[in-house]
C-alpha cells in the first residue's frame, strides 16, 4: 500500500515504514504528524484518486529528526566585467518523518 501526499508545496510517494524528508514542519522529535492532503492511494492494485484530494484519507507519521540538507553553492560571474563575482551558499531545512499508517 502506498500513497501520494502533498506537503510544503511538493508531492511525495510514501508507504508504511518509509522515512521521508519533507520541508521543515517546526515540530519536536517524537511528535505525531497527520497529512490530510492525500492525492492518491493504491492498495494492492485498487487505485483511489482524489479530485484533487481524497477527503477521507489520512497519512500519519512520527517526526524522527530535524536538520539541514547538504550545502548548495551558487556562483555568478560576468566574464566581460572585471571583478564581478558573487558566491552564495544555502542549506535547506528539513524534517524527517517515519510513516506509521495510511488510512482511507
PDB file of N, CA and C in Angstrom:
ATOM      1  N   UNK A   1       0.848  -1.173   0.000  1.00  0.00           N
ATOM      2  CA  UNK A   1       0.000   0.000   0.000  1.00  0.00           C
ATOM      3  C   UNK A   1       0.893   1.236   0.000  1.00  0.00           C
ATOM      4  N   UNK A   2       0.589   2.159  -0.894  1.00  0.00           N
ATOM      5  CA  UNK A   2       1.324   3.418  -0.933  1.00  0.00           C
ATOM      6  C   UNK A   2       0.357   4.556  -1.205  1.00  0.00           C
ATOM      7  N   UNK A   3       0.838   5.777  -0.943  1.00  0.00           N
ATOM      8  CA  UNK A   3       0.022   6.966  -1.145  1.00  0.00           C
ATOM      9  C   UNK A   3       0.904   8.088  -1.666  1.00  0.00           C
ATOM     10  N   UNK A   4       0.277   9.062  -2.300  1.00  0.00           N
ATOM     11  CA  UNK A   4       0.964  10.277  -2.721  1.00  0.00           C
ATOM     12  C   UNK A   4       0.364  11.418  -1.914  1.00  0.00           C
ATOM     13  N   UNK A   5       1.232  12.092  -1.137  1.00  0.00           N
ATOM     14  CA  UNK A   5       0.780  13.184  -0.276  1.00  0.00           C
ATOM     15  C   UNK A   5       1.388  14.499  -0.756  1.00  0.00           C
ATOM     16  N   UNK A   6       0.762  15.602  -0.366  1.00  0.00           N
ATOM     17  CA  UNK A   6       1.273  16.935  -0.695  1.00  0.00           C
ATOM     18  C   UNK A   6       1.548  17.676   0.602  1.00  0.00           C
ATOM     19  N   UNK A   7       2.773  18.182   0.741  1.00  0.00           N
ATOM     20  CA  UNK A   7       3.137  18.998   1.888  1.00  0.00           C
ATOM     21  C   UNK A   7       4.300  19.906   1.497  1.00  0.00           C
ATOM     22  N   UNK A   8       4.251  21.127   1.946  1.00  0.00           N
ATOM     23  CA  UNK A   8       5.318  22.074   1.657  1.00  0.00           C
ATOM     24  C   UNK A   8       5.451  22.415   0.188  1.00  0.00           C
ATOM     25  N   UNK A   9       4.359  22.321  -0.576  1.00  0.00           N
ATOM     26  CA  UNK A   9       4.394  22.651  -1.993  1.00  0.00           C
ATOM     27  C   UNK A   9       4.990  21.561  -2.868  1.00  0.00           C
ATOM     28  N   UNK A  10       5.217  20.370  -2.300  1.00  0.00           N
ATOM     29  CA  UNK A  10       5.787  19.257  -3.055  1.00  0.00           C
ATOM     30  C   UNK A  10       4.938  18.015  -2.845  1.00  0.00           C
ATOM     31  N   UNK A  11       5.124  17.029  -3.707  1.00  0.00           N
ATOM     32  CA  UNK A  11       4.404  15.767  -3.595  1.00  0.00           C
ATOM     33  C   UNK A  11       5.397  14.647  -3.320  1.00  0.00           C
ATOM     34  N   UNK A  12       4.993  13.698  -2.450  1.00  0.00           N
ATOM     35  CA  UNK A  12       5.856  12.600  -2.051  1.00  0.00           C
ATOM     36  C   UNK A  12       5.092  11.290  -2.155  1.00  0.00           C
ATOM     37  N   UNK A  13       5.759  10.256  -2.664  1.00  0.00           N
ATOM     38  CA  UNK A  13       5.202   8.910  -2.680  1.00  0.00           C
ATOM     39  C   UNK A  13       5.677   8.213  -1.418  1.00  0.00           C
ATOM     40  N   UNK A  14       4.740   7.778  -0.572  1.00  0.00           N
ATOM     41  CA  UNK A  14       5.087   7.191   0.717  1.00  0.00           C
ATOM     42  C   UNK A  14       4.403   5.831   0.883  1.00  0.00           C
ATOM     43  N   UNK A  15       5.039   4.979   1.667  1.00  0.00           N
ATOM     44  CA  UNK A  15       4.478   3.691   2.060  1.00  0.00           C
ATOM     45  C   UNK A  15       4.696   3.544   3.559  1.00  0.00           C
ATOM     46  N   UNK A  16       3.981   2.614   4.181  1.00  0.00           N
ATOM     47  CA  UNK A  16       4.130   2.406   5.613  1.00  0.00           C
ATOM     48  C   UNK A  16       5.546   1.944   5.926  1.00  0.00           C
ATOM     49  N   UNK A  17       6.157   2.579   6.940  1.00  0.00           N
ATOM     50  CA  UNK A  17       7.521   2.244   7.325  1.00  0.00           C
ATOM     51  C   UNK A  17       8.594   3.091   6.665  1.00  0.00           C
ATOM     52  N   UNK A  18       8.237   3.874   5.669  1.00  0.00           N
ATOM     53  CA  UNK A  18       9.210   4.737   4.984  1.00  0.00           C
ATOM     54  C   UNK A  18       9.608   5.922   5.870  1.00  0.00           C
ATOM     55  N   UNK A  19      10.828   6.404   5.667  1.00  0.00           N
ATOM     56  CA  UNK A  19      11.270   7.653   6.287  1.00  0.00           C
ATOM     57  C   UNK A  19      11.426   8.668   5.161  1.00  0.00           C
ATOM     58  N   UNK A  20      10.670   9.758   5.258  1.00  0.00           N
ATOM     59  CA  UNK A  20      10.597  10.755   4.196  1.00  0.00           C
ATOM     60  C   UNK A  20      11.110  12.088   4.725  1.00  0.00           C
ATOM     61  N   UNK A  21      11.932  12.774   3.932  1.00  0.00           N
ATOM     62  CA  UNK A  21      12.392  14.124   4.271  1.00  0.00           C
ATOM     63  C   UNK A  21      11.467  15.127   3.609  1.00  0.00           C
ATOM     64  N   UNK A  22      10.705  15.858   4.426  1.00  0.00           N
ATOM     65  CA  UNK A  22       9.785  16.873   3.912  1.00  0.00           C
ATOM     66  C   UNK A  22      10.292  18.250   4.320  1.00  0.00           C
ATOM     67  N   UNK A  23       9.673  19.283   3.784  1.00  0.00           N
ATOM     68  CA  UNK A  23      10.038  20.652   4.172  1.00  0.00           C
ATOM     69  C   UNK A  23       9.810  20.818   5.668  1.00  0.00           C
ATOM     70  N   UNK A  24      10.550  21.716   6.288  1.00  0.00           N
ATOM     71  CA  UNK A  24      10.524  21.889   7.741  1.00  0.00           C
ATOM     72  C   UNK A  24       9.109  22.136   8.250  1.00  0.00           C
ATOM     73  N   UNK A  25       8.704  21.347   9.265  1.00  0.00           N
ATOM     74  CA  UNK A  25       7.379  21.468   9.851  1.00  0.00           C
ATOM     75  C   UNK A  25       7.396  22.202  11.185  1.00  0.00           C
ATOM     76  N   UNK A  26       8.557  22.309  11.834  1.00  0.00           N
ATOM     77  CA  UNK A  26       8.649  23.017  13.101  1.00  0.00           C
ATOM     78  C   UNK A  26       8.110  22.231  14.279  1.00  0.00           C
ATOM     79  N   UNK A  27       8.186  20.906  14.230  1.00  0.00           N
ATOM     80  CA  UNK A  27       7.725  20.053  15.320  1.00  0.00           C
ATOM     81  C   UNK A  27       8.913  19.408  16.013  1.00  0.00           C
ATOM     82  N   UNK A  28       8.711  19.006  17.258  1.00  0.00           N
ATOM     83  CA  UNK A  28       9.779  18.373  18.026  1.00  0.00           C
ATOM     84  C   UNK A  28       9.883  16.894  17.654  1.00  0.00           C
ATOM     85  N   UNK A  29      11.039  16.314  17.946  1.00  0.00           N
ATOM     86  CA  UNK A  29      11.271  14.896  17.664  1.00  0.00           C
ATOM     87  C   UNK A  29      10.319  14.050  18.509  1.00  0.00           C
ATOM     88  N   UNK A  30       9.654  13.096  17.863  1.00  0.00           N
ATOM     89  CA  UNK A  30       8.696  12.233  18.554  1.00  0.00           C
ATOM     90  C   UNK A  30       7.256  12.684  18.427  1.00  0.00           C
ATOM     91  N   UNK A  31       7.011  13.880  17.904  1.00  0.00           N
ATOM     92  CA  UNK A  31       5.644  14.372  17.725  1.00  0.00           C
ATOM     93  C   UNK A  31       4.950  13.625  16.586  1.00  0.00           C
ATOM     94  N   UNK A  32       3.621  13.538  16.693  1.00  0.00           N
ATOM     95  CA  UNK A  32       2.817  12.894  15.651  1.00  0.00           C
ATOM     96  C   UNK A  32       2.461  13.917  14.579  1.00  0.00           C
ATOM     97  N   UNK A  33       2.422  13.461  13.332  1.00  0.00           N
ATOM     98  CA  UNK A  33       2.092  14.311  12.188  1.00  0.00           C
ATOM     99  C   UNK A  33       0.972  13.636  11.411  1.00  0.00           C
ATOM    100  N   UNK A  34      -0.012  14.425  10.988  1.00  0.00           N
ATOM    101  CA  UNK A  34      -1.096  13.908  10.154  1.00  0.00           C
ATOM    102  C   UNK A  34      -1.092  14.690   8.851  1.00  0.00           C
ATOM    103  N   UNK A  35      -0.921  13.980   7.747  1.00  0.00           N
ATOM    104  CA  UNK A  35      -1.003  14.585   6.416  1.00  0.00           C
ATOM    105  C   UNK A  35      -2.390  14.282   5.871  1.00  0.00           C
ATOM    106  N   UNK A  36      -3.196  15.324   5.675  1.00  0.00           N
ATOM    107  CA  UNK A  36      -4.558  15.119   5.188  1.00  0.00           C
ATOM    108  C   UNK A  36      -4.721  15.440   3.713  1.00  0.00           C
ATOM    109  N   UNK A  37      -3.695  15.961   3.079  1.00  0.00           N
ATOM    110  CA  UNK A  37      -3.753  16.208   1.638  1.00  0.00           C
ATOM    111  C   UNK A  37      -3.204  14.977   0.914  1.00  0.00           C
ATOM    112  N   UNK A  38      -4.043  13.963   0.795  1.00  0.00           N
ATOM    113  CA  UNK A  38      -3.681  12.715   0.137  1.00  0.00           C
ATOM    114  C   UNK A  38      -4.286  12.746  -1.260  1.00  0.00           C
ATOM    115  N   UNK A  39      -3.439  12.604  -2.274  1.00  0.00           N
ATOM    116  CA  UNK A  39      -3.906  12.721  -3.653  1.00  0.00           C
ATOM    117  C   UNK A  39      -4.221  11.386  -4.299  1.00  0.00           C
ATOM    118  N   UNK A  40      -3.557  10.322  -3.845  1.00  0.00           N
ATOM    119  CA  UNK A  40      -3.731   9.007  -4.451  1.00  0.00           C
ATOM    120  C   UNK A  40      -3.419   7.953  -3.406  1.00  0.00           C
ATOM    121  N   UNK A  41      -4.191   6.858  -3.405  1.00  0.00           N
ATOM    122  CA  UNK A  41      -3.912   5.713  -2.545  1.00  0.00           C
ATOM    123  C   UNK A  41      -4.021   4.459  -3.391  1.00  0.00           C
ATOM    124  N   UNK A  42      -2.998   3.610  -3.320  1.00  0.00           N
ATOM    125  CA  UNK A  42      -3.002   2.339  -4.024  1.00  0.00           C
ATOM    126  C   UNK A  42      -2.929   1.226  -2.994  1.00  0.00           C
ATOM    127  N   UNK A  43      -3.929   0.323  -3.037  1.00  0.00           N
ATOM    128  CA  UNK A  43      -3.997  -0.783  -2.091  1.00  0.00           C
ATOM    129  C   UNK A  43      -4.103  -2.081  -2.873  1.00  0.00           C
ATOM    130  N   UNK A  44      -2.950  -2.713  -3.131  1.00  0.00           N
ATOM    131  CA  UNK A  44      -2.881  -3.994  -3.846  1.00  0.00           C
ATOM    132  C   UNK A  44      -3.628  -3.949  -5.173  1.00  0.00           C
ATOM    133  N   UNK A  45      -3.346  -2.958  -5.973  1.00  0.00           N
ATOM    134  CA  UNK A  45      -3.952  -2.840  -7.290  1.00  0.00           C
ATOM    135  C   UNK A  45      -5.230  -2.016  -7.317  1.00  0.00           C
ATOM    136  N   UNK A  46      -5.851  -1.793  -6.177  1.00  0.00           N
ATOM    137  CA  UNK A  46      -7.053  -0.968  -6.103  1.00  0.00           C
ATOM    138  C   UNK A  46      -6.620   0.488  -5.960  1.00  0.00           C
ATOM    139  N   UNK A  47      -6.854   1.291  -6.997  1.00  0.00           N
ATOM    140  CA  UNK A  47      -6.362   2.660  -7.052  1.00  0.00           C
ATOM    141  C   UNK A  47      -7.489   3.639  -6.741  1.00  0.00           C
ATOM    142  N   UNK A  48      -7.252   4.556  -5.798  1.00  0.00           N
ATOM    143  CA  UNK A  48      -8.214   5.588  -5.450  1.00  0.00           C
ATOM    144  C   UNK A  48      -7.586   6.942  -5.728  1.00  0.00           C
ATOM    145  N   UNK A  49      -8.204   7.712  -6.619  1.00  0.00           N
ATOM    146  CA  UNK A  49      -7.716   9.040  -6.985  1.00  0.00           C
ATOM    147  C   UNK A  49      -8.574  10.118  -6.352  1.00  0.00           C
ATOM    148  N   UNK A  50      -7.959  11.225  -6.000  1.00  0.00           N
ATOM    149  CA  UNK A  50      -8.692  12.356  -5.472  1.00  0.00           C
ATOM    150  C   UNK A  50      -8.913  13.400  -6.546  1.00  0.00           C
ATOM    151  N   UNK A  51      -9.805  14.340  -6.240  1.00  0.00           N
ATOM    152  CA  UNK A  51     -10.078  15.405  -7.191  1.00  0.00           C
ATOM    153  C   UNK A  51     -10.106  16.740  -6.458  1.00  0.00           C
ATOM    154  N   UNK A  52      -9.050  17.376  -6.062  1.00  0.00           N
ATOM    155  CA  UNK A  52      -7.655  16.971  -6.181  1.00  0.00           C
ATOM    156  C   UNK A  52      -7.183  16.080  -5.033  1.00  0.00           C
ATOM    157  N   UNK A  53      -7.915  16.064  -3.888  1.00  0.00           N
ATOM    158  CA  UNK A  53      -7.502  15.209  -2.773  1.00  0.00           C
ATOM    159  C   UNK A  53      -8.638  14.277  -2.384  1.00  0.00           C
ATOM    160  N   UNK A  54      -8.286  13.237  -1.627  1.00  0.00           N
ATOM    161  CA  UNK A  54      -9.271  12.300  -1.101  1.00  0.00           C
ATOM    162  C   UNK A  54      -9.688  12.816   0.275  1.00  0.00           C
ATOM    163  N   UNK A  55     -10.960  13.091   0.454  1.00  0.00           N
ATOM    164  CA  UNK A  55     -11.442  13.749   1.674  1.00  0.00           C
ATOM    165  C   UNK A  55     -11.269  12.876   2.916  1.00  0.00           C
ATOM    166  N   UNK A  56     -11.424  11.559   2.792  1.00  0.00           N
ATOM    167  CA  UNK A  56     -11.400  10.689   3.971  1.00  0.00           C
ATOM    168  C   UNK A  56     -10.033  10.088   4.260  1.00  0.00           C
ATOM    169  N   UNK A  57      -9.094  10.241   3.355  1.00  0.00           N
ATOM    170  CA  UNK A  57      -7.783   9.594   3.513  1.00  0.00           C
ATOM    171  C   UNK A  57      -6.860  10.428   4.398  1.00  0.00           C
ATOM    172  N   UNK A  58      -6.050   9.710   5.208  1.00  0.00           N
ATOM    173  CA  UNK A  58      -5.057  10.355   6.064  1.00  0.00           C
ATOM    174  C   UNK A  58      -3.798   9.506   6.093  1.00  0.00           C
ATOM    175  N   UNK A  59      -2.667  10.187   6.217  1.00  0.00           N
ATOM    176  CA  UNK A  59      -1.390   9.517   6.411  1.00  0.00           C
ATOM    177  C   UNK A  59      -0.819  10.040   7.722  1.00  0.00           C
ATOM    178  N   UNK A  60      -0.529   9.128   8.647  1.00  0.00           N
ATOM    179  CA  UNK A  60       0.017   9.532   9.940  1.00  0.00           C
ATOM    180  C   UNK A  60       1.469   9.105  10.043  1.00  0.00           C
ATOM    181  N   UNK A  61       2.229   9.906  10.768  1.00  0.00           N
ATOM    182  CA  UNK A  61       3.644   9.615  10.926  1.00  0.00           C
ATOM    183  C   UNK A  61       4.191  10.199  12.211  1.00  0.00           C
ATOM    184  N   UNK A  62       5.477   9.929  12.458  1.00  0.00           N
ATOM    185  CA  UNK A  62       6.167  10.410  13.642  1.00  0.00           C
ATOM    186  C   UNK A  62       7.436  11.135  13.204  1.00  0.00           C
ATOM    187  N   UNK A  63       7.697  12.287  13.796  1.00  0.00           N
ATOM    188  CA  UNK A  63       8.912  13.044  13.481  1.00  0.00           C
ATOM    189  C   UNK A  63      10.110  12.321  14.080  1.00  0.00           C
ATOM    190  N   UNK A  64      11.091  12.002  13.235  1.00  0.00           N
ATOM    191  CA  UNK A  64      12.288  11.310  13.718  1.00  0.00           C
ATOM    192  C   UNK A  64      13.474  12.250  13.861  1.00  0.00           C
ATOM    193  N   UNK A  65      13.562  13.289  13.056  1.00  0.00           N
ATOM    194  CA  UNK A  65      14.704  14.210  13.138  1.00  0.00           C
ATOM    195  C   UNK A  65      14.376  15.506  12.408  1.00  0.00           C
ATOM    196  N   UNK A  66      15.143  16.541  12.740  1.00  0.00           N
ATOM    197  CA  UNK A  66      15.121  17.802  12.009  1.00  0.00           C
ATOM    198  C   UNK A  66      16.557  18.183  11.726  1.00  0.00           C
ATOM    199  N   UNK A  67      16.784  18.837  10.603  1.00  0.00           N
ATOM    200  CA  UNK A  67      18.142  19.233  10.285  1.00  0.00           C
ATOM    201  C   UNK A  67      18.203  20.068   9.030  1.00  0.00           C
ATOM    202  N   UNK A  68      19.416  20.162   8.478  1.00  0.00           N
ATOM    203  CA  UNK A  68      19.632  20.890   7.235  1.00  0.00           C
ATOM    204  C   UNK A  68      20.263  19.948   6.229  1.00  0.00           C
ATOM    205  N   UNK A  69      19.891  20.098   4.969  1.00  0.00           N
ATOM    206  CA  UNK A  69      20.447  19.253   3.919  1.00  0.00           C
ATOM    207  C   UNK A  69      21.829  19.761   3.515  1.00  0.00           C
ATOM    208  N   UNK A  70      22.432  19.097   2.546  1.00  0.00           N
ATOM    209  CA  UNK A  70      23.767  19.468   2.095  1.00  0.00           C
ATOM    210  C   UNK A  70      23.773  20.881   1.514  1.00  0.00           C
ATOM    211  N   UNK A  71      24.917  21.530   1.614  1.00  0.00           N
ATOM    212  CA  UNK A  71      25.034  22.905   1.151  1.00  0.00           C
ATOM    213  C   UNK A  71      25.077  22.975  -0.373  1.00  0.00           C
ATOM    214  N   UNK A  72      24.332  23.921  -0.900  1.00  0.00           N
ATOM    215  CA  UNK A  72      24.319  24.189  -2.332  1.00  0.00           C
ATOM    216  C   UNK A  72      25.079  25.495  -2.552  1.00  0.00           C
ATOM    217  N   UNK A  73      26.037  25.489  -3.464  1.00  0.00           N
ATOM    218  CA  UNK A  73      26.824  26.675  -3.768  1.00  0.00           C
ATOM    219  C   UNK A  73      26.340  27.272  -5.081  1.00  0.00           C
ATOM    220  N   UNK A  74      26.074  28.573  -5.044  1.00  0.00           N
ATOM    221  CA  UNK A  74      25.648  29.311  -6.229  1.00  0.00           C
ATOM    222  C   UNK A  74      26.746  30.319  -6.530  1.00  0.00           C
ATOM    223  N   UNK A  75      27.260  30.280  -7.758  1.00  0.00           N
ATOM    224  CA  UNK A  75      28.342  31.180  -8.142  1.00  0.00           C
ATOM    225  C   UNK A  75      27.949  31.897  -9.417  1.00  0.00           C
ATOM    226  N   UNK A  76      27.947  33.256  -9.380  1.00  0.00           N
ATOM    227  CA  UNK A  76      27.615  34.064 -10.550  1.00  0.00           C
ATOM    228  C   UNK A  76      28.816  34.922 -10.907  1.00  0.00           C
ATOM    229  N   UNK A  77      29.033  35.076 -12.195  1.00  0.00           N
ATOM    230  CA  UNK A  77      30.092  35.986 -12.631  1.00  0.00           C
ATOM    231  C   UNK A  77      29.767  36.482 -14.031  1.00  0.00           C
ATOM    232  N   UNK A  78      30.392  37.602 -14.396  1.00  0.00           N
ATOM    233  CA  UNK A  78      30.269  38.140 -15.744  1.00  0.00           C
ATOM    234  C   UNK A  78      31.676  38.260 -16.294  1.00  0.00           C
ATOM    235  N   UNK A  79      31.982  37.520 -17.342  1.00  0.00           N
ATOM    236  CA  UNK A  79      33.352  37.489 -17.828  1.00  0.00           C
ATOM    237  C   UNK A  79      33.837  38.814 -18.423  1.00  0.00           C
ATOM    238  N   UNK A  80      32.935  39.625 -18.947  1.00  0.00           N
ATOM    239  CA  UNK A  80      33.373  40.873 -19.588  1.00  0.00           C
ATOM    240  C   UNK A  80      33.620  41.988 -18.572  1.00  0.00           C
ATOM    241  N   UNK A  81      32.953  41.940 -17.433  1.00  0.00           N
ATOM    242  CA  UNK A  81      33.166  42.953 -16.395  1.00  0.00           C
ATOM    243  C   UNK A  81      34.189  42.418 -15.413  1.00  0.00           C
ATOM    244  N   UNK A  82      35.327  43.033 -15.362  1.00  0.00           N
ATOM    245  CA  UNK A  82      36.355  42.563 -14.440  1.00  0.00           C
ATOM    246  C   UNK A  82      35.908  42.761 -12.998  1.00  0.00           C
ATOM    247  N   UNK A  83      36.023  41.703 -12.224  1.00  0.00           N
ATOM    248  CA  UNK A  83      35.761  41.807 -10.802  1.00  0.00           C
ATOM    249  C   UNK A  83      34.345  41.499 -10.356  1.00  0.00           C
ATOM    250  N   UNK A  84      33.386  41.215 -11.260  1.00  0.00           N
ATOM    251  CA  UNK A  84      32.025  40.883 -10.818  1.00  0.00           C
ATOM    252  C   UNK A  84      31.933  39.382 -10.564  1.00  0.00           C
ATOM    253  N   UNK A  85      32.015  39.009  -9.296  1.00  0.00           N
ATOM    254  CA  UNK A  85      31.881  37.608  -8.891  1.00  0.00           C
ATOM    255  C   UNK A  85      31.063  37.575  -7.604  1.00  0.00           C
ATOM    256  N   UNK A  86      30.082  36.685  -7.544  1.00  0.00           N
ATOM    257  CA  UNK A  86      29.247  36.533  -6.351  1.00  0.00           C
ATOM    258  C   UNK A  86      29.147  35.049  -6.019  1.00  0.00           C
ATOM    259  N   UNK A  87      29.447  34.708  -4.770  1.00  0.00           N
ATOM    260  CA  UNK A  87      29.336  33.330  -4.312  1.00  0.00           C
ATOM    261  C   UNK A  87      28.354  33.295  -3.151  1.00  0.00           C
ATOM    262  N   UNK A  88      27.362  32.422  -3.255  1.00  0.00           N
ATOM    263  CA  UNK A  88      26.343  32.264  -2.225  1.00  0.00           C
ATOM    264  C   UNK A  88      26.214  30.795  -1.877  1.00  0.00           C
ATOM    265  N   UNK A  89      25.773  30.519  -0.668  1.00  0.00           N
ATOM    266  CA  UNK A  89      25.500  29.153  -0.251  1.00  0.00           C
ATOM    267  C   UNK A  89      24.142  29.080   0.433  1.00  0.00           C
ATOM    268  N   UNK A  90      23.536  27.897   0.401  1.00  0.00           N
ATOM    269  CA  UNK A  90      22.219  27.717   1.004  1.00  0.00           C
ATOM    270  C   UNK A  90      22.072  26.288   1.503  1.00  0.00           C
ATOM    271  N   UNK A  91      21.525  26.135   2.715  1.00  0.00           N
ATOM    272  CA  UNK A  91      21.209  24.831   3.271  1.00  0.00           C
ATOM    273  C   UNK A  91      19.724  24.811   3.603  1.00  0.00           C
ATOM    274  N   UNK A  92      18.968  23.950   2.948  1.00  0.00           N
ATOM    275  CA  UNK A  92      17.517  23.882   3.126  1.00  0.00           C
ATOM    276  C   UNK A  92      17.175  23.065   4.373  1.00  0.00           C
ATOM    277  N   UNK A  93      16.364  23.611   5.289  1.00  0.00           N
ATOM    278  CA  UNK A  93      15.959  22.835   6.462  1.00  0.00           C
ATOM    279  C   UNK A  93      14.935  21.769   6.084  1.00  0.00           C
ATOM    280  N   UNK A  94      14.971  20.629   6.799  1.00  0.00           N
ATOM    281  CA  UNK A  94      14.034  19.542   6.530  1.00  0.00           C
ATOM    282  C   UNK A  94      13.573  18.918   7.838  1.00  0.00           C
ATOM    283  N   UNK A  95      12.500  18.150   7.748  1.00  0.00           N
ATOM    284  CA  UNK A  95      12.003  17.333   8.850  1.00  0.00           C
ATOM    285  C   UNK A  95      11.888  15.908   8.328  1.00  0.00           C
ATOM    286  N   UNK A  96      12.491  14.957   9.028  1.00  0.00           N
ATOM    287  CA  UNK A  96      12.399  13.550   8.658  1.00  0.00           C
ATOM    288  C   UNK A  96      11.201  12.940   9.391  1.00  0.00           C
ATOM    289  N   UNK A  97      10.313  12.297   8.625  1.00  0.00           N
ATOM    290  CA  UNK A  97       9.085  11.728   9.183  1.00  0.00           C
ATOM    291  C   UNK A  97       9.027  10.247   8.836  1.00  0.00           C
ATOM    292  N   UNK A  98       8.756   9.406   9.845  1.00  0.00           N
ATOM    293  CA  UNK A  98       8.545   7.974   9.613  1.00  0.00           C
ATOM    294  C   UNK A  98       7.049   7.753   9.457  1.00  0.00           C
ATOM    295  N   UNK A  99       6.647   7.149   8.350  1.00  0.00           N
ATOM    296  CA  UNK A  99       5.237   6.929   8.052  1.00  0.00           C
ATOM    297  C   UNK A  99       4.745   5.719   8.840  1.00  0.00           C
ATOM    298  N   UNK A 100       3.708   5.942   9.670  1.00  0.00           N
ATOM    299  CA  UNK A 100       3.173   4.874  10.512  1.00  0.00           C
ATOM    300  C   UNK A 100       1.984   4.167   9.868  1.00  0.00           C
ATOM    301  N   UNK A 101       1.038   4.928   9.324  1.00  0.00           N
ATOM    302  CA  UNK A 101      -0.177   4.308   8.797  1.00  0.00           C
ATOM    303  C   UNK A 101      -0.765   5.139   7.669  1.00  0.00           C
ATOM    304  N   UNK A 102      -1.422   4.429   6.750  1.00  0.00           N
ATOM    305  CA  UNK A 102      -2.176   5.057   5.657  1.00  0.00           C
ATOM    306  C   UNK A 102      -3.606   4.557   5.789  1.00  0.00           C
ATOM    307  N   UNK A 103      -4.554   5.479   5.988  1.00  0.00           N
ATOM    308  CA  UNK A 103      -5.957   5.084   6.152  1.00  0.00           C
ATOM    309  C   UNK A 103      -6.817   5.756   5.102  1.00  0.00           C
ATOM    310  N   UNK A 104      -7.873   5.035   4.699  1.00  0.00           N
ATOM    311  CA  UNK A 104      -8.808   5.577   3.713  1.00  0.00           C
ATOM    312  C   UNK A 104     -10.051   6.102   4.382  1.00  0.00           C
TER     313      UNK A 104
END
